[in-house]
Amino acid sequence: MKNPLKTIVEILTGGAVGLASGLLGGGGGMLCVPLLEKVLKEDVKVSHATTVLVILPICVASAIVYWSSGNYDFADNLPVILGVLVGGTVGSFMLKNLRGKTVAVVFALLMIIAGARMAL
């Protein structure tokens, strides 16, 4: 039987990721990966793969909410949507062939660059 405390931590972690994703879109993945690795002690590659899996339905749900409230136009953003689908597919195939350390370094660099750009 699974430890009930671990289940509570998993639910709280999922809630934090869902909240961040609802507010920030796919940016919740920037929170999901470190939470999975540091709090839930998941492997680097498992954390990234899980993030992709959980962010998809969150993004779809958020897009439906934005669209239904008149804040999003799918037609205007179709090229971006197609680019993300292609890039995400290619990245997923690349993930399985990269070492965990490489993935962690690339992710850390992207977080630093994104944080610096936002701060400036």
C-alpha atoms as a PDB file:
ATOM      1  CA  MET A   1       0.000   0.000   0.000  1.00  0.00           C
ATOM      2  CA  LYS A   2       1.209   3.477  -0.874  1.00  0.00           C
ATOM      3  CA  ASN A   3       2.270   5.829   1.907  1.00  0.00           C
ATOM      4  CA  PRO A   4      -0.663   8.229   2.559  1.00  0.00           C
ATOM      5  CA  LEU A   5       1.721  11.118   3.305  1.00  0.00           C
ATOM      6  CA  LYS A   6       3.410  10.667  -0.087  1.00  0.00           C
ATOM      7  CA  THR A   7      -0.013  10.706  -1.752  1.00  0.00           C
ATOM      8  CA  ILE A   8      -0.864  13.997  -0.003  1.00  0.00           C
ATOM      9  CA  VAL A   9       2.477  15.497  -1.105  1.00  0.00           C
ATOM     10  CA  GLU A  10       1.802  14.329  -4.676  1.00  0.00           C
ATOM     11  CA  ILE A  11      -1.663  15.926  -4.629  1.00  0.00           C
ATOM     12  CA  LEU A  12      -0.280  19.213  -3.252  1.00  0.00           C
ATOM     13  CA  THR A  13       2.534  19.157  -5.823  1.00  0.00           C
ATOM     14  CA  GLY A  14       0.015  18.548  -8.609  1.00  0.00           C
ATOM     15  CA  GLY A  15      -2.169  21.364  -7.288  1.00  0.00           C
ATOM     16  CA  ALA A  16       0.761  23.799  -7.286  1.00  0.00           C
ATOM     17  CA  VAL A  17       1.664  22.829 -10.847  1.00  0.00           C
ATOM     18  CA  GLY A  18      -1.966  23.115 -11.969  1.00  0.00           C
ATOM     19  CA  LEU A  19      -2.318  26.546 -10.379  1.00  0.00           C
ATOM     20  CA  ALA A  20       0.918  27.796 -11.945  1.00  0.00           C
ATOM     21  CA  SER A  21      -0.086  26.373 -15.324  1.00  0.00           C
ATOM     22  CA  GLY A  22      -3.519  27.977 -15.153  1.00  0.00           C
ATOM     23  CA  LEU A  23      -1.882  31.327 -14.455  1.00  0.00           C
ATOM     24  CA  LEU A  24       1.174  30.953 -16.702  1.00  0.00           C
ATOM     25  CA  GLY A  25       0.144  28.435 -19.360  1.00  0.00           C
ATOM     26  CA  GLY A  26       2.839  25.881 -20.135  1.00  0.00           C
ATOM     27  CA  GLY A  27       5.163  27.846 -17.848  1.00  0.00           C
ATOM     28  CA  GLY A  28       3.903  25.615 -15.071  1.00  0.00           C
ATOM     29  CA  GLY A  29       6.364  23.070 -16.432  1.00  0.00           C
ATOM     30  CA  MET A  30       9.150  25.253 -15.076  1.00  0.00           C
ATOM     31  CA  LEU A  31       7.699  24.516 -11.654  1.00  0.00           C
ATOM     32  CA  CYS A  32       6.729  20.910 -12.326  1.00  0.00           C
ATOM     33  CA  VAL A  33      10.203  19.621 -13.196  1.00  0.00           C
ATOM     34  CA  PRO A  34      11.971  20.818 -10.025  1.00  0.00           C
ATOM     35  CA  LEU A  35       9.064  19.708  -7.832  1.00  0.00           C
ATOM     36  CA  LEU A  36       9.117  16.223  -9.330  1.00  0.00           C
ATOM     37  CA  GLU A  37      12.887  15.970  -8.980  1.00  0.00           C
ATOM     38  CA  LYS A  38      13.430  17.564  -5.571  1.00  0.00           C
ATOM     39  CA  VAL A  39      10.185  16.929  -3.706  1.00  0.00           C
ATOM     40  CA  LEU A  40       9.065  13.608  -5.185  1.00  0.00           C
ATOM     41  CA  LYS A  41      12.633  12.380  -5.931  1.00  0.00           C
ATOM     42  CA  GLU A  42      11.918  11.424  -9.540  1.00  0.00           C
ATOM     43  CA  ASP A  43      14.667  10.849 -12.101  1.00  0.00           C
ATOM     44  CA  VAL A  44      15.520  13.837 -14.327  1.00  0.00           C
ATOM     45  CA  LYS A  45      14.236  12.254 -17.533  1.00  0.00           C
ATOM     46  CA  VAL A  46      11.132  10.888 -15.810  1.00  0.00           C
ATOM     47  CA  SER A  47      10.442  14.380 -14.430  1.00  0.00           C
ATOM     48  CA  HIS A  48      10.626  15.956 -17.875  1.00  0.00           C
ATOM     49  CA  ALA A  49       8.537  13.245 -19.531  1.00  0.00           C
ATOM     50  CA  THR A  50       5.930  13.444 -16.761  1.00  0.00           C
ATOM     51  CA  THR A  51       5.819  17.221 -17.090  1.00  0.00           C
ATOM     52  CA  VAL A  52       5.055  16.963 -20.789  1.00  0.00           C
ATOM     53  CA  LEU A  53       2.296  14.490 -20.040  1.00  0.00           C
ATOM     54  CA  VAL A  54       0.651  16.552 -17.279  1.00  0.00           C
ATOM     55  CA  ILE A  55       1.055  19.941 -18.943  1.00  0.00           C
ATOM     56  CA  LEU A  56      -0.864  18.870 -22.063  1.00  0.00           C
ATOM     57  CA  PRO A  57      -4.303  18.500 -20.445  1.00  0.00           C
ATOM     58  CA  ILE A  58      -3.695  21.560 -18.265  1.00  0.00           C
ATOM     59  CA  CYS A  59      -2.886  23.649 -21.337  1.00  0.00           C
ATOM     60  CA  VAL A  60      -5.904  22.309 -23.217  1.00  0.00           C
ATOM     61  CA  ALA A  61      -8.197  23.085 -20.269  1.00  0.00           C
ATOM     62  CA  SER A  62      -6.713  26.570 -19.876  1.00  0.00           C
ATOM     63  CA  ALA A  63      -7.030  27.244 -23.604  1.00  0.00           C
ATOM     64  CA  ILE A  64     -10.701  26.270 -23.482  1.00  0.00           C
ATOM     65  CA  VAL A  65     -11.279  28.674 -20.578  1.00  0.00           C
ATOM     66  CA  TYR A  66      -9.393  31.507 -22.337  1.00  0.00           C
ATOM     67  CA  TRP A  67     -11.169  30.832 -25.647  1.00  0.00           C
ATOM     68  CA  SER A  68     -14.634  30.595 -24.097  1.00  0.00           C
ATOM     69  CA  SER A  69     -14.114  33.933 -22.339  1.00  0.00           C
ATOM     70  CA  GLY A  70     -13.116  35.580 -25.634  1.00  0.00           C
ATOM     71  CA  ASN A  71      -9.422  35.979 -24.760  1.00  0.00           C
ATOM     72  CA  TYR A  72      -7.960  33.630 -27.353  1.00  0.00           C
ATOM     73  CA  ASP A  73      -8.217  33.184 -31.103  1.00  0.00           C
ATOM     74  CA  PHE A  74      -7.107  29.753 -32.338  1.00  0.00           C
ATOM     75  CA  ALA A  75      -6.975  30.856 -35.983  1.00  0.00           C
ATOM     76  CA  ASP A  76      -4.486  33.651 -35.243  1.00  0.00           C
ATOM     77  CA  ASN A  77      -2.257  31.260 -33.306  1.00  0.00           C
ATOM     78  CA  LEU A  78      -2.450  28.187 -35.545  1.00  0.00           C
ATOM     79  CA  PRO A  79       1.156  28.553 -36.831  1.00  0.00           C
ATOM     80  CA  VAL A  80       2.445  28.651 -33.248  1.00  0.00           C
ATOM     81  CA  ILE A  81       0.286  25.660 -32.280  1.00  0.00           C
ATOM     82  CA  LEU A  82       1.642  23.645 -35.217  1.00  0.00           C
ATOM     83  CA  GLY A  83       5.225  24.648 -34.391  1.00  0.00           C
ATOM     84  CA  VAL A  84       4.788  23.598 -30.766  1.00  0.00           C
ATOM     85  CA  LEU A  85       3.354  20.233 -31.818  1.00  0.00           C
ATOM     86  CA  VAL A  86       6.275  19.539 -34.163  1.00  0.00           C
ATOM     87  CA  GLY A  87       8.891  20.841 -31.721  1.00  0.00           C
ATOM     88  CA  GLY A  88       7.369  18.915 -28.829  1.00  0.00           C
ATOM     89  CA  THR A  89       7.375  15.692 -30.803  1.00  0.00           C
ATOM     90  CA  VAL A  90      11.002  16.124 -31.865  1.00  0.00           C
ATOM     91  CA  GLY A  91      12.021  17.075 -28.316  1.00  0.00           C
ATOM     92  CA  SER A  92      10.285  14.020 -26.875  1.00  0.00           C
ATOM     93  CA  PHE A  93      12.233  11.731 -29.176  1.00  0.00           C
ATOM     94  CA  MET A  94      15.452  13.567 -28.304  1.00  0.00           C
ATOM     95  CA  LEU A  95      14.795  13.188 -24.565  1.00  0.00           C
ATOM     96  CA  LYS A  96      15.020   9.413 -24.679  1.00  0.00           C
ATOM     97  CA  ASN A  97      18.467   9.627 -26.309  1.00  0.00           C
ATOM     98  CA  LEU A  98      20.030  12.256 -24.027  1.00  0.00           C
ATOM     99  CA  ARG A  99      21.749  11.660 -20.706  1.00  0.00           C
ATOM    100  CA  GLY A 100      19.867  12.884 -17.639  1.00  0.00           C
ATOM    101  CA  LYS A 101      22.704  15.260 -16.737  1.00  0.00           C
ATOM    102  CA  THR A 102      22.559  16.874 -20.186  1.00  0.00           C
ATOM    103  CA  VAL A 103      18.809  17.384 -19.875  1.00  0.00           C
ATOM    104  CA  ALA A 104      19.256  18.922 -16.407  1.00  0.00           C
ATOM    105  CA  VAL A 105      21.943  21.349 -17.622  1.00  0.00           C
ATOM    106  CA  VAL A 106      19.928  22.445 -20.673  1.00  0.00           C
ATOM    107  CA  PHE A 107      16.845  22.955 -18.496  1.00  0.00           C
ATOM    108  CA  ALA A 108      18.820  24.951 -15.915  1.00  0.00           C
ATOM    109  CA  LEU A 109      20.308  27.179 -18.621  1.00  0.00           C
ATOM    110  CA  LEU A 110      16.870  27.828 -20.115  1.00  0.00           C
ATOM    111  CA  MET A 111      15.494  28.722 -16.676  1.00  0.00           C
ATOM    112  CA  ILE A 112      18.377  31.131 -16.056  1.00  0.00           C
ATOM    113  CA  ILE A 113      17.938  32.777 -19.468  1.00  0.00           C
ATOM    114  CA  ALA A 114      14.154  33.042 -19.017  1.00  0.00           C
ATOM    115  CA  GLY A 115      14.563  34.473 -15.523  1.00  0.00           C
ATOM    116  CA  ALA A 116      17.145  37.026 -16.682  1.00  0.00           C
ATOM    117  CA  ARG A 117      14.958  38.130 -19.579  1.00  0.00           C
ATOM    118  CA  MET A 118      11.953  38.550 -17.294  1.00  0.00           C
ATOM    119  CA  ALA A 119      13.979  40.495 -14.733  1.00  0.00           C
ATOM    120  CA  LEU A 120      15.297  42.848 -17.399  1.00  0.00           C
END
